[in-house]
């Protein structure tokens, strides 16, 4: 059956069901209609995958599911499912945006390092004279990364955690200054934040590479940087997910597309909170141990990168496959949409 014929045949029932849903409706009638709606959804997902019809039916099914079970006590393990399933699914759905964020960030790092190598004043322009002078003094004193010992561990951890959350929010929301006013720039603002942070990392790296301390810099800084920098990239990807949903709404109304993208991106960012807290704790309590044995540093860095690859690469793919193998039904709550017009 062609999609247009399917829509014409069933649209009146869907609209009537939507009206009953808005009016409250009898729970038994809603439950009965929910079953029939599930059949239509299964058919649309089978024969018209990715279509506006399938998206509309999934949205409507999610609304009915929420209405039927709204008085049911919240199931135990909700938080665990959020991190074990909802965040990986959001990451998988936004994987192209995360790859874009990673590519842009790495390109900015390369630009920062190359610019520092070709212009001696560039690193001072990016990091500031005070920081560069302090770092060079620490290098001459034989403790090049003494900056990580400048504050009490707990105070440093709290301050870094707050800073990381702010940076992730800026990368997600895409805020950037224009004429002294901070404005939301969505994907453009997200790209700006990623480029700024990438250039800073590249300039900072070259400051040590130029002194022959590349290994020392990587060994110490990436104790926390493996998680911290990865989280910034992921937050940037979440920002692209939200911004691109507004710029490229596909078959959805622009506002509905934006809401979907914002919800998906927000899940990714909220899922980063434990990562930022862990990175802040590592920077506050472990990075300052510059005399740490190489084997222990390698274990921490390797473990951090292994976690990133597991949670943001392997697990999303696995969860997506598992969810796709489930019987058809509502997958996630989404904003209401109008019935698709017959084409």
C-alpha atoms as a PDB file:
ATOM      1  CA  UNK A   1       0.000   0.000   0.000  1.00  0.00           C
ATOM      2  CA  UNK A   2       1.310   3.442  -0.883  1.00  0.00           C
ATOM      3  CA  UNK A   3       1.938   5.779   2.042  1.00  0.00           C
ATOM      4  CA  UNK A   4      -0.585   8.332   0.759  1.00  0.00           C
ATOM      5  CA  UNK A   5      -3.324   5.682   0.655  1.00  0.00           C
ATOM      6  CA  UNK A   6      -2.406   4.456   4.132  1.00  0.00           C
ATOM      7  CA  UNK A   7      -2.606   8.003   5.515  1.00  0.00           C
ATOM      8  CA  UNK A   8      -5.954   8.784   3.868  1.00  0.00           C
ATOM      9  CA  UNK A   9      -7.438   5.552   5.172  1.00  0.00           C
ATOM     10  CA  UNK A  10      -6.365   5.987   8.789  1.00  0.00           C
ATOM     11  CA  UNK A  11      -5.933   9.746   9.352  1.00  0.00           C
ATOM     12  CA  UNK A  12      -9.563  10.278  10.520  1.00  0.00           C
ATOM     13  CA  UNK A  13      -9.126   7.603  13.209  1.00  0.00           C
ATOM     14  CA  UNK A  14      -5.835   9.141  14.333  1.00  0.00           C
ATOM     15  CA  UNK A  15      -7.337  12.615  14.549  1.00  0.00           C
ATOM     16  CA  UNK A  16     -10.352  11.343  16.492  1.00  0.00           C
ATOM     17  CA  UNK A  17      -8.060   9.469  18.834  1.00  0.00           C
ATOM     18  CA  UNK A  18      -5.967  12.617  19.300  1.00  0.00           C
ATOM     19  CA  UNK A  19      -9.133  14.538  20.227  1.00  0.00           C
ATOM     20  CA  UNK A  20     -10.061  11.904  22.824  1.00  0.00           C
ATOM     21  CA  UNK A  21      -6.564  12.124  24.216  1.00  0.00           C
ATOM     22  CA  UNK A  22      -6.830  15.907  24.611  1.00  0.00           C
ATOM     23  CA  UNK A  23     -10.231  15.603  26.326  1.00  0.00           C
ATOM     24  CA  UNK A  24      -8.940  13.044  28.813  1.00  0.00           C
ATOM     25  CA  UNK A  25     -10.911  10.116  27.458  1.00  0.00           C
ATOM     26  CA  UNK A  26     -11.953   6.879  29.060  1.00  0.00           C
ATOM     27  CA  UNK A  27      -8.871   4.888  30.154  1.00  0.00           C
ATOM     28  CA  UNK A  28     -10.243   1.663  28.669  1.00  0.00           C
ATOM     29  CA  UNK A  29     -10.973   3.364  25.358  1.00  0.00           C
ATOM     30  CA  UNK A  30      -7.511   4.883  25.342  1.00  0.00           C
ATOM     31  CA  UNK A  31      -5.932   1.503  26.053  1.00  0.00           C
ATOM     32  CA  UNK A  32      -7.921  -0.108  23.236  1.00  0.00           C
ATOM     33  CA  UNK A  33      -6.979   2.669  20.828  1.00  0.00           C
ATOM     34  CA  UNK A  34      -3.380   2.404  21.952  1.00  0.00           C
ATOM     35  CA  UNK A  35      -3.285  -1.198  20.754  1.00  0.00           C
ATOM     36  CA  UNK A  36      -4.651  -0.276  17.325  1.00  0.00           C
ATOM     37  CA  UNK A  37      -2.273   2.675  17.144  1.00  0.00           C
ATOM     38  CA  UNK A  38       0.595   0.301  17.875  1.00  0.00           C
ATOM     39  CA  UNK A  39      -0.449  -1.835  14.912  1.00  0.00           C
ATOM     40  CA  UNK A  40      -0.454   1.202  12.630  1.00  0.00           C
ATOM     41  CA  UNK A  41       2.915   2.273  13.982  1.00  0.00           C
ATOM     42  CA  UNK A  42       4.402  -1.173  13.365  1.00  0.00           C
ATOM     43  CA  UNK A  43       3.086  -1.097   9.796  1.00  0.00           C
ATOM     44  CA  UNK A  44       4.480   2.394   9.140  1.00  0.00           C
ATOM     45  CA  UNK A  45       7.872   1.514  10.631  1.00  0.00           C
ATOM     46  CA  UNK A  46       8.013  -1.572   8.421  1.00  0.00           C
ATOM     47  CA  UNK A  47       6.912  -0.102   5.091  1.00  0.00           C
ATOM     48  CA  UNK A  48       7.660   3.622   5.486  1.00  0.00           C
ATOM     49  CA  UNK A  49      10.734   3.771   7.767  1.00  0.00           C
ATOM     50  CA  UNK A  50      11.976   7.277   8.480  1.00  0.00           C
ATOM     51  CA  UNK A  51       8.819   8.858   7.053  1.00  0.00           C
ATOM     52  CA  UNK A  52       6.736  11.654   8.552  1.00  0.00           C
ATOM     53  CA  UNK A  53       3.933   9.127   9.033  1.00  0.00           C
ATOM     54  CA  UNK A  54       6.074   6.839  11.190  1.00  0.00           C
ATOM     55  CA  UNK A  55       7.373   9.816  13.180  1.00  0.00           C
ATOM     56  CA  UNK A  56       3.851  11.148  13.786  1.00  0.00           C
ATOM     57  CA  UNK A  57       2.534   7.771  14.939  1.00  0.00           C
ATOM     58  CA  UNK A  58       5.520   7.269  17.219  1.00  0.00           C
ATOM     59  CA  UNK A  59       4.915  10.702  18.780  1.00  0.00           C
ATOM     60  CA  UNK A  60       1.212   9.993  19.276  1.00  0.00           C
ATOM     61  CA  UNK A  61       1.924   6.545  20.748  1.00  0.00           C
ATOM     62  CA  UNK A  62       4.387   8.073  23.200  1.00  0.00           C
ATOM     63  CA  UNK A  63       1.765  10.603  24.332  1.00  0.00           C
ATOM     64  CA  UNK A  64      -0.817   7.873  24.890  1.00  0.00           C
ATOM     65  CA  UNK A  65       1.693   5.733  26.742  1.00  0.00           C
ATOM     66  CA  UNK A  66       2.485   8.659  29.030  1.00  0.00           C
ATOM     67  CA  UNK A  67      -1.214   9.330  29.661  1.00  0.00           C
ATOM     68  CA  UNK A  68      -2.016   5.710  30.478  1.00  0.00           C
ATOM     69  CA  UNK A  69       0.929   5.265  32.819  1.00  0.00           C
ATOM     70  CA  UNK A  70       1.186   8.771  34.247  1.00  0.00           C
ATOM     71  CA  UNK A  71      -0.176   7.691  37.637  1.00  0.00           C
ATOM     72  CA  UNK A  72       2.081   4.673  37.858  1.00  0.00           C
ATOM     73  CA  UNK A  73       4.838   4.996  40.415  1.00  0.00           C
ATOM     74  CA  UNK A  74       8.200   5.724  38.864  1.00  0.00           C
ATOM     75  CA  UNK A  75       9.946   2.455  38.236  1.00  0.00           C
ATOM     76  CA  UNK A  76      13.036   1.663  40.203  1.00  0.00           C
ATOM     77  CA  UNK A  77      16.280   1.957  38.341  1.00  0.00           C
ATOM     78  CA  UNK A  78      15.196   4.981  36.270  1.00  0.00           C
ATOM     79  CA  UNK A  79      18.540   6.727  36.761  1.00  0.00           C
ATOM     80  CA  UNK A  80      20.416   3.602  35.776  1.00  0.00           C
ATOM     81  CA  UNK A  81      18.384   3.256  32.572  1.00  0.00           C
ATOM     82  CA  UNK A  82      19.048   6.892  31.743  1.00  0.00           C
ATOM     83  CA  UNK A  83      22.805   6.331  31.675  1.00  0.00           C
ATOM     84  CA  UNK A  84      22.677   2.766  30.372  1.00  0.00           C
ATOM     85  CA  UNK A  85      20.202   3.299  27.543  1.00  0.00           C
ATOM     86  CA  UNK A  86      18.867   6.816  26.983  1.00  0.00           C
ATOM     87  CA  UNK A  87      22.221   8.585  26.817  1.00  0.00           C
ATOM     88  CA  UNK A  88      23.821   5.958  24.519  1.00  0.00           C
ATOM     89  CA  UNK A  89      20.776   6.118  22.226  1.00  0.00           C
ATOM     90  CA  UNK A  90      21.034   9.905  22.062  1.00  0.00           C
ATOM     91  CA  UNK A  91      24.750   9.612  21.292  1.00  0.00           C
ATOM     92  CA  UNK A  92      24.080   7.080  18.545  1.00  0.00           C
ATOM     93  CA  UNK A  93      21.386   9.239  16.968  1.00  0.00           C
ATOM     94  CA  UNK A  94      23.772  12.209  17.018  1.00  0.00           C
ATOM     95  CA  UNK A  95      26.921  10.329  15.999  1.00  0.00           C
ATOM     96  CA  UNK A  96      27.502  12.416  12.865  1.00  0.00           C
ATOM     97  CA  UNK A  97      27.306  15.610  14.894  1.00  0.00           C
ATOM     98  CA  UNK A  98      29.801  14.180  17.398  1.00  0.00           C
ATOM     99  CA  UNK A  99      32.183  13.245  14.590  1.00  0.00           C
ATOM    100  CA  UNK A 100      31.888  16.789  13.251  1.00  0.00           C
ATOM    101  CA  UNK A 101      32.686  18.143  16.717  1.00  0.00           C
ATOM    102  CA  UNK A 102      35.734  15.875  17.030  1.00  0.00           C
ATOM    103  CA  UNK A 103      37.045  16.823  13.595  1.00  0.00           C
ATOM    104  CA  UNK A 104      36.602  20.542  14.225  1.00  0.00           C
ATOM    105  CA  UNK A 105      38.276  20.347  17.632  1.00  0.00           C
ATOM    106  CA  UNK A 106      41.288  18.388  16.329  1.00  0.00           C
ATOM    107  CA  UNK A 107      41.648  20.793  13.403  1.00  0.00           C
ATOM    108  CA  UNK A 108      41.657  23.718  15.852  1.00  0.00           C
ATOM    109  CA  UNK A 109      44.311  21.977  17.977  1.00  0.00           C
ATOM    110  CA  UNK A 110      46.464  21.571  14.866  1.00  0.00           C
ATOM    111  CA  UNK A 111      45.966  25.235  13.960  1.00  0.00           C
ATOM    112  CA  UNK A 112      46.930  26.312  17.472  1.00  0.00           C
ATOM    113  CA  UNK A 113      50.080  24.191  17.488  1.00  0.00           C
ATOM    114  CA  UNK A 114      51.108  25.230  13.948  1.00  0.00           C
ATOM    115  CA  UNK A 115      50.481  28.913  14.638  1.00  0.00           C
ATOM    116  CA  UNK A 116      52.573  28.732  17.823  1.00  0.00           C
ATOM    117  CA  UNK A 117      55.377  27.023  15.911  1.00  0.00           C
ATOM    118  CA  UNK A 118      55.429  29.668  13.177  1.00  0.00           C
ATOM    119  CA  UNK A 119      54.783  32.764  15.315  1.00  0.00           C
ATOM    120  CA  UNK A 120      56.583  33.133  18.632  1.00  0.00           C
ATOM    121  CA  UNK A 121      54.038  35.675  19.873  1.00  0.00           C
ATOM    122  CA  UNK A 122      50.972  33.548  19.099  1.00  0.00           C
ATOM    123  CA  UNK A 123      51.129  31.520  22.301  1.00  0.00           C
ATOM    124  CA  UNK A 124      51.230  34.736  24.333  1.00  0.00           C
ATOM    125  CA  UNK A 125      48.253  36.074  22.417  1.00  0.00           C
ATOM    126  CA  UNK A 126      46.236  32.957  23.235  1.00  0.00           C
ATOM    127  CA  UNK A 127      47.372  32.094  26.769  1.00  0.00           C
ATOM    128  CA  UNK A 128      48.438  35.523  28.008  1.00  0.00           C
ATOM    129  CA  UNK A 129      51.841  36.885  29.018  1.00  0.00           C
ATOM    130  CA  UNK A 130      51.348  36.104  32.698  1.00  0.00           C
ATOM    131  CA  UNK A 131      50.631  32.418  32.135  1.00  0.00           C
ATOM    132  CA  UNK A 132      53.464  31.979  29.640  1.00  0.00           C
ATOM    133  CA  UNK A 133      55.966  33.729  31.906  1.00  0.00           C
ATOM    134  CA  UNK A 134      54.879  31.634  34.887  1.00  0.00           C
ATOM    135  CA  UNK A 135      55.176  28.403  32.895  1.00  0.00           C
ATOM    136  CA  UNK A 136      58.633  29.269  31.603  1.00  0.00           C
ATOM    137  CA  UNK A 137      59.722  30.097  35.157  1.00  0.00           C
ATOM    138  CA  UNK A 138      58.409  26.709  36.328  1.00  0.00           C
ATOM    139  CA  UNK A 139      60.302  24.978  33.522  1.00  0.00           C
ATOM    140  CA  UNK A 140      63.531  26.717  34.514  1.00  0.00           C
ATOM    141  CA  UNK A 141      62.895  25.712  38.131  1.00  0.00           C
ATOM    142  CA  UNK A 142      62.636  22.057  37.108  1.00  0.00           C
ATOM    143  CA  UNK A 143      58.894  21.661  37.779  1.00  0.00           C
ATOM    144  CA  UNK A 144      57.219  22.560  34.450  1.00  0.00           C
ATOM    145  CA  UNK A 145      53.688  21.663  35.538  1.00  0.00           C
ATOM    146  CA  UNK A 146      53.812  23.201  39.001  1.00  0.00           C
ATOM    147  CA  UNK A 147      50.664  25.181  38.097  1.00  0.00           C
ATOM    148  CA  UNK A 148      48.632  22.133  39.057  1.00  0.00           C
ATOM    149  CA  UNK A 149      49.973  22.390  42.607  1.00  0.00           C
ATOM    150  CA  UNK A 150      48.960  26.013  43.122  1.00  0.00           C
ATOM    151  CA  UNK A 151      45.735  25.380  45.075  1.00  0.00           C
ATOM    152  CA  UNK A 152      44.311  23.024  47.660  1.00  0.00           C
ATOM    153  CA  UNK A 153      43.057  19.789  46.060  1.00  0.00           C
ATOM    154  CA  UNK A 154      39.420  20.149  47.133  1.00  0.00           C
ATOM    155  CA  UNK A 155      39.197  23.831  46.220  1.00  0.00           C
ATOM    156  CA  UNK A 156      40.809  23.102  42.879  1.00  0.00           C
ATOM    157  CA  UNK A 157      38.437  20.219  42.187  1.00  0.00           C
ATOM    158  CA  UNK A 158      35.323  22.302  42.886  1.00  0.00           C
ATOM    159  CA  UNK A 159      36.579  25.224  40.801  1.00  0.00           C
ATOM    160  CA  UNK A 160      37.530  23.002  37.875  1.00  0.00           C
ATOM    161  CA  UNK A 161      34.221  21.142  38.011  1.00  0.00           C
ATOM    162  CA  UNK A 162      32.302  24.421  37.827  1.00  0.00           C
ATOM    163  CA  UNK A 163      34.476  25.647  34.971  1.00  0.00           C
ATOM    164  CA  UNK A 164      34.015  22.385  33.065  1.00  0.00           C
ATOM    165  CA  UNK A 165      30.239  22.557  33.438  1.00  0.00           C
ATOM    166  CA  UNK A 166      30.234  26.161  32.189  1.00  0.00           C
ATOM    167  CA  UNK A 167      32.397  25.280  29.186  1.00  0.00           C
ATOM    168  CA  UNK A 168      30.167  22.312  28.336  1.00  0.00           C
ATOM    169  CA  UNK A 169      27.054  24.472  28.598  1.00  0.00           C
ATOM    170  CA  UNK A 170      28.597  27.101  26.331  1.00  0.00           C
ATOM    171  CA  UNK A 171      29.557  24.420  23.815  1.00  0.00           C
ATOM    172  CA  UNK A 172      26.051  22.952  23.953  1.00  0.00           C
ATOM    173  CA  UNK A 173      24.051  26.190  23.879  1.00  0.00           C
ATOM    174  CA  UNK A 174      26.454  27.868  21.460  1.00  0.00           C
ATOM    175  CA  UNK A 175      26.697  31.158  23.354  1.00  0.00           C
ATOM    176  CA  UNK A 176      29.367  33.558  22.163  1.00  0.00           C
ATOM    177  CA  UNK A 177      30.033  37.296  22.691  1.00  0.00           C
ATOM    178  CA  UNK A 178      28.991  39.842  20.073  1.00  0.00           C
ATOM    179  CA  UNK A 179      29.707  43.486  20.833  1.00  0.00           C
ATOM    180  CA  UNK A 180      29.910  42.841  24.566  1.00  0.00           C
ATOM    181  CA  UNK A 181      26.642  40.872  24.604  1.00  0.00           C
ATOM    182  CA  UNK A 182      26.507  37.096  24.902  1.00  0.00           C
ATOM    183  CA  UNK A 183      24.127  35.698  22.304  1.00  0.00           C
ATOM    184  CA  UNK A 184      22.998  32.159  21.438  1.00  0.00           C
ATOM    185  CA  UNK A 185      24.596  31.168  18.149  1.00  0.00           C
ATOM    186  CA  UNK A 186      23.475  27.526  18.097  1.00  0.00           C
ATOM    187  CA  UNK A 187      25.738  25.548  15.747  1.00  0.00           C
ATOM    188  CA  UNK A 188      27.818  28.621  14.878  1.00  0.00           C
ATOM    189  CA  UNK A 189      28.351  29.390  18.547  1.00  0.00           C
ATOM    190  CA  UNK A 190      29.174  25.752  19.276  1.00  0.00           C
ATOM    191  CA  UNK A 191      31.783  25.772  16.514  1.00  0.00           C
ATOM    192  CA  UNK A 192      33.259  28.982  17.963  1.00  0.00           C
ATOM    193  CA  UNK A 193      33.606  27.465  21.435  1.00  0.00           C
ATOM    194  CA  UNK A 194      35.211  24.312  20.036  1.00  0.00           C
ATOM    195  CA  UNK A 195      37.684  26.282  17.927  1.00  0.00           C
ATOM    196  CA  UNK A 196      38.625  28.553  20.826  1.00  0.00           C
ATOM    197  CA  UNK A 197      39.290  25.620  23.159  1.00  0.00           C
ATOM    198  CA  UNK A 198      41.081  23.618  20.467  1.00  0.00           C
ATOM    199  CA  UNK A 199      43.426  26.495  19.614  1.00  0.00           C
ATOM    200  CA  UNK A 200      44.198  26.968  23.317  1.00  0.00           C
ATOM    201  CA  UNK A 201      45.053  23.278  23.697  1.00  0.00           C
ATOM    202  CA  UNK A 202      47.286  23.397  20.626  1.00  0.00           C
ATOM    203  CA  UNK A 203      49.116  26.502  21.837  1.00  0.00           C
ATOM    204  CA  UNK A 204      49.486  25.047  25.340  1.00  0.00           C
ATOM    205  CA  UNK A 205      50.881  21.803  23.931  1.00  0.00           C
ATOM    206  CA  UNK A 206      53.422  23.609  21.759  1.00  0.00           C
ATOM    207  CA  UNK A 207      54.603  25.632  24.751  1.00  0.00           C
ATOM    208  CA  UNK A 208      55.929  22.380  26.229  1.00  0.00           C
ATOM    209  CA  UNK A 209      56.851  20.683  22.967  1.00  0.00           C
ATOM    210  CA  UNK A 210      59.095  23.632  22.148  1.00  0.00           C
ATOM    211  CA  UNK A 211      60.947  23.023  25.400  1.00  0.00           C
ATOM    212  CA  UNK A 212      61.397  19.314  24.686  1.00  0.00           C
ATOM    213  CA  UNK A 213      58.763  18.337  27.258  1.00  0.00           C
ATOM    214  CA  UNK A 214      56.151  16.735  24.987  1.00  0.00           C
ATOM    215  CA  UNK A 215      56.217  13.436  26.873  1.00  0.00           C
ATOM    216  CA  UNK A 216      56.031  15.114  30.263  1.00  0.00           C
ATOM    217  CA  UNK A 217      53.142  17.292  29.124  1.00  0.00           C
ATOM    218  CA  UNK A 218      51.146  14.360  27.772  1.00  0.00           C
ATOM    219  CA  UNK A 219      51.886  12.152  30.781  1.00  0.00           C
ATOM    220  CA  UNK A 220      50.726  14.719  33.318  1.00  0.00           C
ATOM    221  CA  UNK A 221      48.056  16.733  31.535  1.00  0.00           C
ATOM    222  CA  UNK A 222      46.176  13.772  30.069  1.00  0.00           C
ATOM    223  CA  UNK A 223      45.633  12.250  33.491  1.00  0.00           C
ATOM    224  CA  UNK A 224      42.612  14.545  33.570  1.00  0.00           C
ATOM    225  CA  UNK A 225      42.642  15.767  29.973  1.00  0.00           C
ATOM    226  CA  UNK A 226      41.591  12.442  28.488  1.00  0.00           C
ATOM    227  CA  UNK A 227      38.183  12.816  30.119  1.00  0.00           C
ATOM    228  CA  UNK A 228      37.982  16.605  30.125  1.00  0.00           C
ATOM    229  CA  UNK A 229      38.808  17.181  26.463  1.00  0.00           C
ATOM    230  CA  UNK A 230      36.681  14.238  25.351  1.00  0.00           C
ATOM    231  CA  UNK A 231      33.745  15.668  27.303  1.00  0.00           C
ATOM    232  CA  UNK A 232      34.162  19.082  25.649  1.00  0.00           C
ATOM    233  CA  UNK A 233      34.034  17.392  22.245  1.00  0.00           C
ATOM    234  CA  UNK A 234      30.914  15.429  23.221  1.00  0.00           C
ATOM    235  CA  UNK A 235      29.249  18.593  24.557  1.00  0.00           C
ATOM    236  CA  UNK A 236      30.056  20.277  21.250  1.00  0.00           C
ATOM    237  CA  UNK A 237      28.453  17.372  19.415  1.00  0.00           C
ATOM    238  CA  UNK A 238      25.335  17.806  21.560  1.00  0.00           C
ATOM    239  CA  UNK A 239      25.311  21.468  20.576  1.00  0.00           C
ATOM    240  CA  UNK A 240      25.452  20.543  16.894  1.00  0.00           C
ATOM    241  CA  UNK A 241      22.589  18.093  17.418  1.00  0.00           C
ATOM    242  CA  UNK A 242      20.404  20.893  18.798  1.00  0.00           C
ATOM    243  CA  UNK A 243      21.541  23.593  16.374  1.00  0.00           C
ATOM    244  CA  UNK A 244      21.268  21.418  13.295  1.00  0.00           C
ATOM    245  CA  UNK A 245      17.747  20.382  14.303  1.00  0.00           C
ATOM    246  CA  UNK A 246      16.781  24.050  14.097  1.00  0.00           C
ATOM    247  CA  UNK A 247      18.652  24.747  10.864  1.00  0.00           C
ATOM    248  CA  UNK A 248      17.677  21.521   9.072  1.00  0.00           C
ATOM    249  CA  UNK A 249      14.224  20.423  10.334  1.00  0.00           C
ATOM    250  CA  UNK A 250      13.755  17.770   7.626  1.00  0.00           C
ATOM    251  CA  UNK A 251      10.054  16.807   7.486  1.00  0.00           C
ATOM    252  CA  UNK A 252       9.203  18.252  10.915  1.00  0.00           C
ATOM    253  CA  UNK A 253       7.939  21.759  11.651  1.00  0.00           C
ATOM    254  CA  UNK A 254      10.989  23.806  12.613  1.00  0.00           C
ATOM    255  CA  UNK A 255       9.940  24.316  16.223  1.00  0.00           C
ATOM    256  CA  UNK A 256       9.092  20.631  16.707  1.00  0.00           C
ATOM    257  CA  UNK A 257      12.433  19.652  15.172  1.00  0.00           C
ATOM    258  CA  UNK A 258      14.250  22.051  17.477  1.00  0.00           C
ATOM    259  CA  UNK A 259      12.522  20.620  20.544  1.00  0.00           C
ATOM    260  CA  UNK A 260      13.488  17.107  19.535  1.00  0.00           C
ATOM    261  CA  UNK A 261      17.087  18.151  18.934  1.00  0.00           C
ATOM    262  CA  UNK A 262      17.252  20.089  22.204  1.00  0.00           C
ATOM    263  CA  UNK A 263      15.912  17.103  24.147  1.00  0.00           C
ATOM    264  CA  UNK A 264      18.385  14.744  22.509  1.00  0.00           C
ATOM    265  CA  UNK A 265      21.323  17.111  23.020  1.00  0.00           C
ATOM    266  CA  UNK A 266      20.334  17.798  26.629  1.00  0.00           C
ATOM    267  CA  UNK A 267      20.423  14.071  27.403  1.00  0.00           C
ATOM    268  CA  UNK A 268      23.967  13.891  26.069  1.00  0.00           C
ATOM    269  CA  UNK A 269      25.090  16.900  28.117  1.00  0.00           C
ATOM    270  CA  UNK A 270      23.439  15.710  31.338  1.00  0.00           C
ATOM    271  CA  UNK A 271      25.149  12.368  30.803  1.00  0.00           C
ATOM    272  CA  UNK A 272      28.487  14.212  30.833  1.00  0.00           C
ATOM    273  CA  UNK A 273      28.118  15.439  34.425  1.00  0.00           C
ATOM    274  CA  UNK A 274      29.799  12.378  36.009  1.00  0.00           C
ATOM    275  CA  UNK A 275      32.585  12.607  33.422  1.00  0.00           C
ATOM    276  CA  UNK A 276      33.301  16.240  34.268  1.00  0.00           C
ATOM    277  CA  UNK A 277      33.230  15.484  37.995  1.00  0.00           C
ATOM    278  CA  UNK A 278      35.674  12.622  37.503  1.00  0.00           C
ATOM    279  CA  UNK A 279      37.964  14.803  35.361  1.00  0.00           C
ATOM    280  CA  UNK A 280      37.895  17.557  37.994  1.00  0.00           C
ATOM    281  CA  UNK A 281      38.721  15.077  40.768  1.00  0.00           C
ATOM    282  CA  UNK A 282      41.634  13.678  38.762  1.00  0.00           C
ATOM    283  CA  UNK A 283      42.968  17.165  38.049  1.00  0.00           C
ATOM    284  CA  UNK A 284      42.565  18.308  41.626  1.00  0.00           C
ATOM    285  CA  UNK A 285      44.013  15.246  43.356  1.00  0.00           C
ATOM    286  CA  UNK A 286      46.174  13.318  40.857  1.00  0.00           C
ATOM    287  CA  UNK A 287      47.514  15.660  38.174  1.00  0.00           C
ATOM    288  CA  UNK A 288      49.451  17.570  40.846  1.00  0.00           C
ATOM    289  CA  UNK A 289      51.413  14.365  41.511  1.00  0.00           C
ATOM    290  CA  UNK A 290      53.866  15.125  38.721  1.00  0.00           C
ATOM    291  CA  UNK A 291      56.274  12.610  40.215  1.00  0.00           C
ATOM    292  CA  UNK A 292      53.727   9.819  39.680  1.00  0.00           C
ATOM    293  CA  UNK A 293      55.267   6.628  38.228  1.00  0.00           C
ATOM    294  CA  UNK A 294      54.880   6.337  34.481  1.00  0.00           C
ATOM    295  CA  UNK A 295      53.056   3.014  34.798  1.00  0.00           C
ATOM    296  CA  UNK A 296      50.375   4.511  37.060  1.00  0.00           C
ATOM    297  CA  UNK A 297      49.931   7.545  34.808  1.00  0.00           C
ATOM    298  CA  UNK A 298      49.627   5.276  31.771  1.00  0.00           C
ATOM    299  CA  UNK A 299      47.019   3.176  33.613  1.00  0.00           C
ATOM    300  CA  UNK A 300      44.895   6.245  34.423  1.00  0.00           C
ATOM    301  CA  UNK A 301      45.179   7.716  30.931  1.00  0.00           C
ATOM    302  CA  UNK A 302      44.571   4.382  29.210  1.00  0.00           C
ATOM    303  CA  UNK A 303      41.606   3.662  31.456  1.00  0.00           C
ATOM    304  CA  UNK A 304      40.101   7.086  30.730  1.00  0.00           C
ATOM    305  CA  UNK A 305      40.387   6.692  26.965  1.00  0.00           C
ATOM    306  CA  UNK A 306      39.045   3.143  27.219  1.00  0.00           C
ATOM    307  CA  UNK A 307      35.985   4.440  29.068  1.00  0.00           C
ATOM    308  CA  UNK A 308      35.401   7.140  26.433  1.00  0.00           C
ATOM    309  CA  UNK A 309      35.619   4.605  23.600  1.00  0.00           C
ATOM    310  CA  UNK A 310      33.369   2.179  25.462  1.00  0.00           C
ATOM    311  CA  UNK A 311      30.651   4.632  26.479  1.00  0.00           C
ATOM    312  CA  UNK A 312      30.602   6.927  23.452  1.00  0.00           C
ATOM    313  CA  UNK A 313      31.495   4.531  20.643  1.00  0.00           C
ATOM    314  CA  UNK A 314      30.872   0.862  21.458  1.00  0.00           C
ATOM    315  CA  UNK A 315      27.900   1.051  23.841  1.00  0.00           C
ATOM    316  CA  UNK A 316      25.710   3.386  21.709  1.00  0.00           C
ATOM    317  CA  UNK A 317      25.981   1.056  18.737  1.00  0.00           C
ATOM    318  CA  UNK A 318      25.192  -1.986  20.860  1.00  0.00           C
ATOM    319  CA  UNK A 319      22.193  -0.354  22.588  1.00  0.00           C
ATOM    320  CA  UNK A 320      20.828   0.927  19.270  1.00  0.00           C
ATOM    321  CA  UNK A 321      20.948  -2.577  17.813  1.00  0.00           C
ATOM    322  CA  UNK A 322      19.256  -4.038  20.869  1.00  0.00           C
ATOM    323  CA  UNK A 323      16.469  -1.456  20.818  1.00  0.00           C
ATOM    324  CA  UNK A 324      15.957  -1.923  17.063  1.00  0.00           C
ATOM    325  CA  UNK A 325      15.420  -5.622  17.659  1.00  0.00           C
ATOM    326  CA  UNK A 326      12.571  -5.007  20.107  1.00  0.00           C
ATOM    327  CA  UNK A 327       8.920  -5.305  19.011  1.00  0.00           C
ATOM    328  CA  UNK A 328       7.647  -2.104  17.422  1.00  0.00           C
ATOM    329  CA  UNK A 329       6.199   0.436  19.811  1.00  0.00           C
ATOM    330  CA  UNK A 330       6.730   3.955  21.089  1.00  0.00           C
ATOM    331  CA  UNK A 331      10.420   4.650  21.513  1.00  0.00           C
ATOM    332  CA  UNK A 332      10.654   7.994  23.206  1.00  0.00           C
ATOM    333  CA  UNK A 333       8.377  10.896  24.091  1.00  0.00           C
ATOM    334  CA  UNK A 334       8.384  13.587  21.431  1.00  0.00           C
ATOM    335  CA  UNK A 335       6.532  16.840  20.764  1.00  0.00           C
ATOM    336  CA  UNK A 336       3.061  16.498  19.259  1.00  0.00           C
ATOM    337  CA  UNK A 337       2.906  16.835  15.520  1.00  0.00           C
ATOM    338  CA  UNK A 338       0.118  17.220  13.010  1.00  0.00           C
ATOM    339  CA  UNK A 339      -0.977  14.176  11.018  1.00  0.00           C
ATOM    340  CA  UNK A 340       1.106  13.933   7.854  1.00  0.00           C
ATOM    341  CA  UNK A 341      -0.647  15.150   4.770  1.00  0.00           C
ATOM    342  CA  UNK A 342      -1.326  12.662   2.015  1.00  0.00           C
ATOM    343  CA  UNK A 343       1.047  13.048  -0.889  1.00  0.00           C
END
